């Protein structure tokens, strides 16, 4: 459906002295992700997907990882939906940005900021989609460890 890139200079520094095969490296990758260590994710669509489907897919990834109010997840979903709806659908090449920090998650679609959902918990939940044990992208985690850790 899409390719994903992760930008996280703070995490890179934290992992530089750890072996990529160690449990400590996996723990360090996840610890503070999106809070102590701001992270940005960029998703680029590989084929066309409707606004509702795209927004729902991301919201469904965040929901089980988030312990705050369901209305926060709904807000995230709405921001994604609104950004995609402006262009009709998430067509091939559409880029989503999700900037995760202790302030929350800021959503962008094709370089246009849609808004933010405040809270460190939301940020951690979003990062969990890509970094926790139930990641939707094991290759992303593996790539981070391979490139940022000692062999």
Foldseek 3Di string as FASTA:
>chain_A
DKDKDKDWPVLLVVAAEAALPDPVNLCSNLPCDLEPIKMKMKIFDQAKDFLQVVLVVLLVQLVVQFPDDNVLSVVSSVLSSVQQVVVGIRGGGWMWMWIGYQQATWIDINRRTSGGRGHNRNSSSSVCCCRPPVHPDPPNSSVSSVPRHDD
